[in-house]
N, C-alpha and C. Protein backbone atom coordinates (compact mmCIF):
# COMPACT_ATOMS: atom_id res chain seq x y z
N MET A 1 -70.95 38.19 107.69
CA MET A 1 -71.94 37.99 108.73
C MET A 1 -72.94 39.14 108.67
N LYS A 2 -74.20 38.84 108.85
CA LYS A 2 -75.26 39.84 108.80
C LYS A 2 -75.46 40.48 110.18
N LEU A 3 -75.69 41.78 110.18
CA LEU A 3 -75.92 42.52 111.41
C LEU A 3 -77.37 42.33 111.84
N ASN A 4 -77.57 41.91 113.08
CA ASN A 4 -78.89 41.63 113.62
C ASN A 4 -79.42 42.86 114.35
N HIS A 5 -80.45 43.49 113.78
CA HIS A 5 -80.97 44.73 114.36
C HIS A 5 -81.58 44.53 115.75
N ASP A 6 -82.22 43.39 115.98
CA ASP A 6 -82.76 43.14 117.32
C ASP A 6 -81.63 43.02 118.34
N CYS A 7 -80.54 42.39 117.95
CA CYS A 7 -79.39 42.26 118.85
C CYS A 7 -78.78 43.63 119.14
N ILE A 8 -78.77 44.51 118.14
CA ILE A 8 -78.27 45.87 118.36
C ILE A 8 -79.06 46.54 119.49
N ARG A 9 -80.36 46.51 119.36
CA ARG A 9 -81.23 47.16 120.36
C ARG A 9 -81.07 46.50 121.72
N ASP A 10 -81.10 45.16 121.74
CA ASP A 10 -80.99 44.45 123.02
C ASP A 10 -79.65 44.68 123.69
N LEU A 11 -78.58 44.73 122.90
CA LEU A 11 -77.25 44.97 123.47
C LEU A 11 -77.14 46.39 124.02
N LEU A 12 -77.65 47.36 123.29
CA LEU A 12 -77.62 48.74 123.80
C LEU A 12 -78.42 48.87 125.09
N LEU A 13 -79.59 48.26 125.14
CA LEU A 13 -80.39 48.30 126.37
C LEU A 13 -79.65 47.63 127.53
N ALA A 14 -79.00 46.51 127.26
CA ALA A 14 -78.27 45.78 128.31
C ALA A 14 -77.07 46.58 128.81
N ILE A 15 -76.35 47.20 127.89
CA ILE A 15 -75.19 48.02 128.29
C ILE A 15 -75.66 49.17 129.16
N GLU A 16 -76.72 49.82 128.75
CA GLU A 16 -77.25 50.93 129.55
C GLU A 16 -77.65 50.45 130.95
N GLU A 17 -78.28 49.30 131.02
CA GLU A 17 -78.77 48.75 132.29
C GLU A 17 -77.64 48.31 133.23
N HIS A 18 -76.59 47.73 132.68
CA HIS A 18 -75.60 47.04 133.50
C HIS A 18 -74.27 47.77 133.67
N THR A 19 -74.14 48.97 133.10
CA THR A 19 -72.90 49.72 133.31
C THR A 19 -73.18 50.94 134.19
N THR A 20 -72.16 51.36 134.90
CA THR A 20 -72.21 52.60 135.67
C THR A 20 -70.87 53.30 135.45
N ILE A 21 -70.70 54.42 136.08
CA ILE A 21 -69.42 55.14 135.95
C ILE A 21 -68.27 54.26 136.44
N ASN A 22 -68.53 53.43 137.44
CA ASN A 22 -67.49 52.59 138.02
C ASN A 22 -67.57 51.13 137.59
N LYS A 23 -68.52 50.77 136.73
CA LYS A 23 -68.71 49.36 136.38
C LYS A 23 -68.78 49.20 134.87
N HIS A 24 -67.82 48.47 134.32
CA HIS A 24 -67.88 48.12 132.90
C HIS A 24 -68.29 46.66 132.77
N LEU A 25 -68.51 46.23 131.56
CA LEU A 25 -68.84 44.84 131.29
C LEU A 25 -67.68 44.18 130.56
N ASP A 26 -67.18 43.10 131.12
CA ASP A 26 -66.12 42.38 130.43
C ASP A 26 -66.73 41.34 129.49
N HIS A 27 -65.88 40.71 128.74
CA HIS A 27 -66.27 39.76 127.71
C HIS A 27 -67.26 38.71 128.20
N ASP A 28 -66.91 38.02 129.26
CA ASP A 28 -67.77 36.95 129.78
C ASP A 28 -69.09 37.49 130.32
N GLU A 29 -69.05 38.66 130.95
CA GLU A 29 -70.29 39.26 131.46
C GLU A 29 -71.24 39.61 130.32
N ILE A 30 -70.69 40.16 129.25
CA ILE A 30 -71.52 40.52 128.10
C ILE A 30 -72.19 39.27 127.52
N LEU A 31 -71.40 38.22 127.35
CA LEU A 31 -71.95 37.00 126.74
C LEU A 31 -72.96 36.29 127.63
N SER A 32 -72.97 36.60 128.92
CA SER A 32 -73.91 35.94 129.83
C SER A 32 -75.07 36.84 130.27
N LEU A 33 -75.21 38.00 129.65
CA LEU A 33 -76.32 38.89 130.02
C LEU A 33 -77.65 38.23 129.67
N PRO A 34 -78.60 38.22 130.61
CA PRO A 34 -79.89 37.56 130.35
C PRO A 34 -80.64 38.17 129.16
N GLU A 35 -80.45 39.46 128.92
CA GLU A 35 -81.12 40.12 127.79
C GLU A 35 -80.64 39.61 126.44
N LEU A 36 -79.49 38.94 126.44
CA LEU A 36 -78.89 38.49 125.18
C LEU A 36 -78.89 36.97 125.02
N GLU A 37 -79.63 36.26 125.88
CA GLU A 37 -79.58 34.80 125.88
C GLU A 37 -80.10 34.18 124.58
N SER A 38 -80.87 34.91 123.81
CA SER A 38 -81.39 34.34 122.56
C SER A 38 -80.41 34.45 121.39
N TYR A 39 -79.23 35.05 121.63
CA TYR A 39 -78.23 35.23 120.58
C TYR A 39 -77.00 34.38 120.87
N ASP A 40 -76.37 33.87 119.82
CA ASP A 40 -75.12 33.13 120.02
C ASP A 40 -73.97 34.12 120.22
N SER A 41 -72.85 33.62 120.73
CA SER A 41 -71.73 34.49 121.08
C SER A 41 -71.16 35.23 119.87
N GLU A 42 -71.13 34.60 118.71
CA GLU A 42 -70.62 35.28 117.52
C GLU A 42 -71.48 36.49 117.15
N THR A 43 -72.78 36.34 117.25
CA THR A 43 -73.69 37.45 116.93
C THR A 43 -73.49 38.60 117.91
N ILE A 44 -73.35 38.28 119.19
CA ILE A 44 -73.16 39.32 120.21
C ILE A 44 -71.84 40.04 120.00
N ILE A 45 -70.78 39.30 119.80
CA ILE A 45 -69.46 39.92 119.61
C ILE A 45 -69.43 40.77 118.35
N TYR A 46 -69.97 40.24 117.26
CA TYR A 46 -70.01 40.97 116.00
C TYR A 46 -70.81 42.26 116.16
N THR A 47 -71.95 42.17 116.83
CA THR A 47 -72.79 43.35 117.06
C THR A 47 -72.04 44.38 117.89
N ALA A 48 -71.37 43.94 118.93
CA ALA A 48 -70.60 44.85 119.78
C ALA A 48 -69.50 45.54 118.98
N GLN A 49 -68.83 44.78 118.12
CA GLN A 49 -67.78 45.37 117.28
C GLN A 49 -68.36 46.45 116.38
N LYS A 50 -69.49 46.17 115.77
CA LYS A 50 -70.10 47.14 114.85
C LYS A 50 -70.59 48.37 115.60
N LEU A 51 -71.13 48.19 116.81
CA LEU A 51 -71.55 49.33 117.61
C LEU A 51 -70.35 50.19 118.00
N ASN A 52 -69.21 49.56 118.24
CA ASN A 52 -67.98 50.29 118.52
C ASN A 52 -67.54 51.07 117.28
N GLU A 53 -67.55 50.42 116.13
CA GLU A 53 -67.16 51.09 114.88
C GLU A 53 -68.09 52.26 114.57
N ALA A 54 -69.36 52.13 114.90
CA ALA A 54 -70.35 53.18 114.64
C ALA A 54 -70.25 54.33 115.65
N GLY A 55 -69.44 54.15 116.69
CA GLY A 55 -69.28 55.17 117.70
C GLY A 55 -70.41 55.18 118.71
N PHE A 56 -71.08 54.03 118.91
CA PHE A 56 -72.20 53.94 119.84
C PHE A 56 -71.80 53.43 121.21
N VAL A 57 -70.64 52.81 121.34
CA VAL A 57 -70.17 52.31 122.63
C VAL A 57 -68.71 52.69 122.85
N ASN A 58 -68.36 52.84 124.12
CA ASN A 58 -66.96 53.01 124.52
C ASN A 58 -66.47 51.67 125.04
N GLY A 59 -65.33 51.22 124.56
CA GLY A 59 -64.83 49.96 125.05
C GLY A 59 -63.52 49.58 124.42
N ASN A 60 -63.04 48.39 124.80
CA ASN A 60 -61.82 47.82 124.25
C ASN A 60 -62.16 46.56 123.49
N PHE A 61 -61.57 46.42 122.34
CA PHE A 61 -61.78 45.26 121.49
C PHE A 61 -60.41 44.76 121.09
N ASP A 62 -59.98 43.65 121.71
CA ASP A 62 -58.64 43.11 121.50
C ASP A 62 -58.71 41.69 120.97
N PHE A 63 -57.65 41.29 120.29
CA PHE A 63 -57.51 39.91 119.84
C PHE A 63 -56.36 39.29 120.62
N PHE A 64 -56.60 38.10 121.16
CA PHE A 64 -55.57 37.39 121.90
C PHE A 64 -55.11 36.18 121.10
N MET A 65 -54.36 35.32 121.71
CA MET A 65 -53.76 34.19 121.00
C MET A 65 -54.77 33.26 120.37
N ASP A 66 -55.99 33.23 120.86
CA ASP A 66 -56.99 32.34 120.27
C ASP A 66 -57.67 32.96 119.03
N ASP A 67 -57.21 34.16 118.63
CA ASP A 67 -57.73 34.88 117.46
C ASP A 67 -59.19 35.27 117.58
N MET A 68 -59.76 35.14 118.75
CA MET A 68 -61.13 35.57 118.98
C MET A 68 -61.10 36.97 119.59
N PRO A 69 -62.00 37.84 119.15
CA PRO A 69 -62.04 39.17 119.76
C PRO A 69 -62.54 39.07 121.20
N HIS A 70 -61.91 39.81 122.07
CA HIS A 70 -62.32 39.90 123.47
C HIS A 70 -62.72 41.35 123.72
N ILE A 71 -63.86 41.52 124.32
CA ILE A 71 -64.42 42.85 124.45
C ILE A 71 -64.63 43.24 125.91
N ALA A 72 -64.56 44.53 126.14
CA ALA A 72 -64.93 45.13 127.43
C ALA A 72 -65.60 46.45 127.08
N ILE A 73 -66.80 46.66 127.57
CA ILE A 73 -67.55 47.87 127.24
C ILE A 73 -67.79 48.66 128.51
N SER A 74 -67.44 49.95 128.46
CA SER A 74 -67.58 50.79 129.65
C SER A 74 -68.87 51.61 129.65
N SER A 75 -69.38 51.96 128.47
CA SER A 75 -70.58 52.80 128.44
C SER A 75 -71.09 52.97 127.01
N LEU A 76 -72.26 53.57 126.93
CA LEU A 76 -72.76 54.05 125.65
C LEU A 76 -72.17 55.43 125.41
N THR A 77 -71.96 55.78 124.17
CA THR A 77 -71.55 57.14 123.84
C THR A 77 -72.80 58.01 123.73
N TYR A 78 -72.62 59.27 123.52
CA TYR A 78 -73.75 60.17 123.31
C TYR A 78 -74.56 59.69 122.11
N GLU A 79 -73.88 59.32 121.02
CA GLU A 79 -74.57 58.81 119.82
C GLU A 79 -75.32 57.52 120.13
N GLY A 80 -74.72 56.67 120.95
CA GLY A 80 -75.38 55.43 121.34
C GLY A 80 -76.66 55.69 122.11
N HIS A 81 -76.61 56.66 123.03
CA HIS A 81 -77.81 57.04 123.78
C HIS A 81 -78.87 57.62 122.84
N ASN A 82 -78.45 58.46 121.91
CA ASN A 82 -79.41 59.05 120.97
C ASN A 82 -80.11 57.97 120.16
N PHE A 83 -79.34 57.02 119.63
CA PHE A 83 -79.94 55.96 118.84
C PHE A 83 -80.88 55.12 119.70
N LEU A 84 -80.43 54.74 120.89
CA LEU A 84 -81.26 53.92 121.77
C LEU A 84 -82.54 54.65 122.15
N ASP A 85 -82.43 55.93 122.47
CA ASP A 85 -83.63 56.68 122.84
C ASP A 85 -84.61 56.79 121.67
N THR A 86 -84.10 56.75 120.46
CA THR A 86 -84.97 56.78 119.29
C THR A 86 -85.77 55.48 119.15
N ILE A 87 -85.15 54.34 119.46
CA ILE A 87 -85.79 53.04 119.22
C ILE A 87 -86.19 52.31 120.50
N ARG A 88 -86.08 52.94 121.63
CA ARG A 88 -86.35 52.30 122.93
C ARG A 88 -87.80 51.82 123.05
N ASP A 89 -88.75 52.67 122.71
CA ASP A 89 -90.16 52.35 122.85
C ASP A 89 -90.51 51.15 121.97
N HIS A 90 -91.23 50.18 122.56
CA HIS A 90 -91.56 48.95 121.83
C HIS A 90 -92.39 49.22 120.58
N LYS A 91 -93.34 50.15 120.70
CA LYS A 91 -94.19 50.48 119.55
C LYS A 91 -93.36 51.10 118.43
N VAL A 92 -92.48 52.00 118.77
CA VAL A 92 -91.60 52.63 117.78
C VAL A 92 -90.70 51.58 117.15
N TRP A 93 -90.14 50.69 117.97
CA TRP A 93 -89.24 49.66 117.45
C TRP A 93 -89.97 48.72 116.50
N ARG A 94 -91.15 48.31 116.89
CA ARG A 94 -91.94 47.40 116.04
C ARG A 94 -92.23 48.03 114.69
N LYS A 95 -92.68 49.29 114.69
CA LYS A 95 -93.00 49.98 113.44
C LYS A 95 -91.74 50.29 112.63
N THR A 96 -90.64 50.56 113.32
CA THR A 96 -89.37 50.80 112.63
C THR A 96 -88.93 49.55 111.89
N LYS A 97 -88.99 48.40 112.57
CA LYS A 97 -88.61 47.14 111.91
C LYS A 97 -89.55 46.81 110.77
N GLU A 98 -90.83 47.06 110.95
CA GLU A 98 -91.82 46.80 109.91
C GLU A 98 -91.52 47.64 108.66
N THR A 99 -91.21 48.90 108.86
CA THR A 99 -90.88 49.78 107.74
C THR A 99 -89.58 49.35 107.07
N ALA A 100 -88.58 49.02 107.87
CA ALA A 100 -87.27 48.62 107.33
C ALA A 100 -87.35 47.30 106.58
N SER A 101 -88.31 46.45 106.94
CA SER A 101 -88.41 45.14 106.30
C SER A 101 -88.83 45.22 104.83
N LYS A 102 -89.23 46.39 104.39
CA LYS A 102 -89.59 46.57 102.98
C LYS A 102 -88.37 46.53 102.07
N LEU A 103 -87.19 46.67 102.68
CA LEU A 103 -85.93 46.59 101.94
C LEU A 103 -85.17 45.35 102.40
N SER A 104 -84.28 44.86 101.56
CA SER A 104 -83.53 43.66 101.94
C SER A 104 -82.45 43.95 102.97
N SER A 105 -82.01 45.19 103.06
CA SER A 105 -80.96 45.55 104.00
C SER A 105 -81.08 47.03 104.35
N VAL A 106 -80.87 47.36 105.62
CA VAL A 106 -80.96 48.74 106.08
C VAL A 106 -79.84 49.00 107.08
N SER A 107 -79.16 50.12 106.91
CA SER A 107 -78.05 50.47 107.81
C SER A 107 -78.58 50.95 109.16
N ILE A 108 -77.68 51.02 110.12
CA ILE A 108 -78.04 51.54 111.44
C ILE A 108 -78.50 52.99 111.31
N THR A 109 -77.84 53.75 110.47
CA THR A 109 -78.21 55.15 110.27
C THR A 109 -79.63 55.27 109.74
N VAL A 110 -79.98 54.44 108.76
CA VAL A 110 -81.33 54.47 108.21
C VAL A 110 -82.34 53.99 109.25
N MET A 111 -81.97 52.96 110.04
CA MET A 111 -82.87 52.50 111.11
C MET A 111 -83.16 53.66 112.07
N SER A 112 -82.16 54.44 112.39
CA SER A 112 -82.34 55.58 113.28
C SER A 112 -83.28 56.61 112.65
N GLU A 113 -83.08 56.88 111.37
CA GLU A 113 -83.93 57.84 110.67
C GLU A 113 -85.38 57.36 110.61
N ILE A 114 -85.56 56.07 110.35
CA ILE A 114 -86.91 55.50 110.34
C ILE A 114 -87.52 55.64 111.73
N GLY A 115 -86.74 55.31 112.76
CA GLY A 115 -87.23 55.42 114.14
C GLY A 115 -87.67 56.83 114.48
N VAL A 116 -86.89 57.83 114.06
CA VAL A 116 -87.25 59.23 114.31
C VAL A 116 -88.55 59.55 113.58
N SER A 117 -88.67 59.11 112.34
CA SER A 117 -89.89 59.36 111.56
C SER A 117 -91.11 58.70 112.20
N VAL A 118 -90.94 57.45 112.66
CA VAL A 118 -92.04 56.74 113.32
C VAL A 118 -92.44 57.45 114.60
N ALA A 119 -91.47 57.83 115.41
CA ALA A 119 -91.77 58.53 116.67
C ALA A 119 -92.47 59.85 116.42
N ARG A 120 -92.02 60.58 115.43
CA ARG A 120 -92.67 61.86 115.09
C ARG A 120 -94.11 61.62 114.65
N GLY A 121 -94.30 60.57 113.86
CA GLY A 121 -95.66 60.24 113.42
C GLY A 121 -96.57 59.91 114.57
N ILE A 122 -96.07 59.12 115.53
CA ILE A 122 -96.87 58.75 116.71
C ILE A 122 -97.22 59.99 117.51
N LEU A 123 -96.27 60.94 117.59
CA LEU A 123 -96.50 62.15 118.36
C LEU A 123 -97.25 63.23 117.57
N GLY A 124 -97.54 62.95 116.29
CA GLY A 124 -98.25 63.92 115.46
C GLY A 124 -97.39 65.09 115.03
N LEU A 125 -96.08 64.84 114.92
CA LEU A 125 -95.15 65.90 114.55
C LEU A 125 -94.66 65.81 113.11
N SER A 126 -95.26 64.94 112.33
CA SER A 126 -94.79 64.75 110.95
C SER A 126 -95.18 65.91 110.06
């Protein structure tokens, strides 16, 4: 399955918006978030799993008798916040995706590096 970069950004933004110290998001809540309505459940779950593996979210990822992963996310990690803050701005995100599209595949780490480069360029810090 291919990792959807737009879903990564949208899921991180949604987690930031809908979690608090006392409020996590369970499986059904994540799948019904309005910010994610343009993605199917497999894409959302896969993206959440990869964000967990990358150390961008805190949560539980379990498999039950139906062999489907069930997720609960409590927060973004420090790394998750750093990545999101790099790509949060729409102009930065658009230019980051445009630059990344020159290659057939780009990792989350490279997307972050491109985002930092784009933001620095916009700010005249290159």
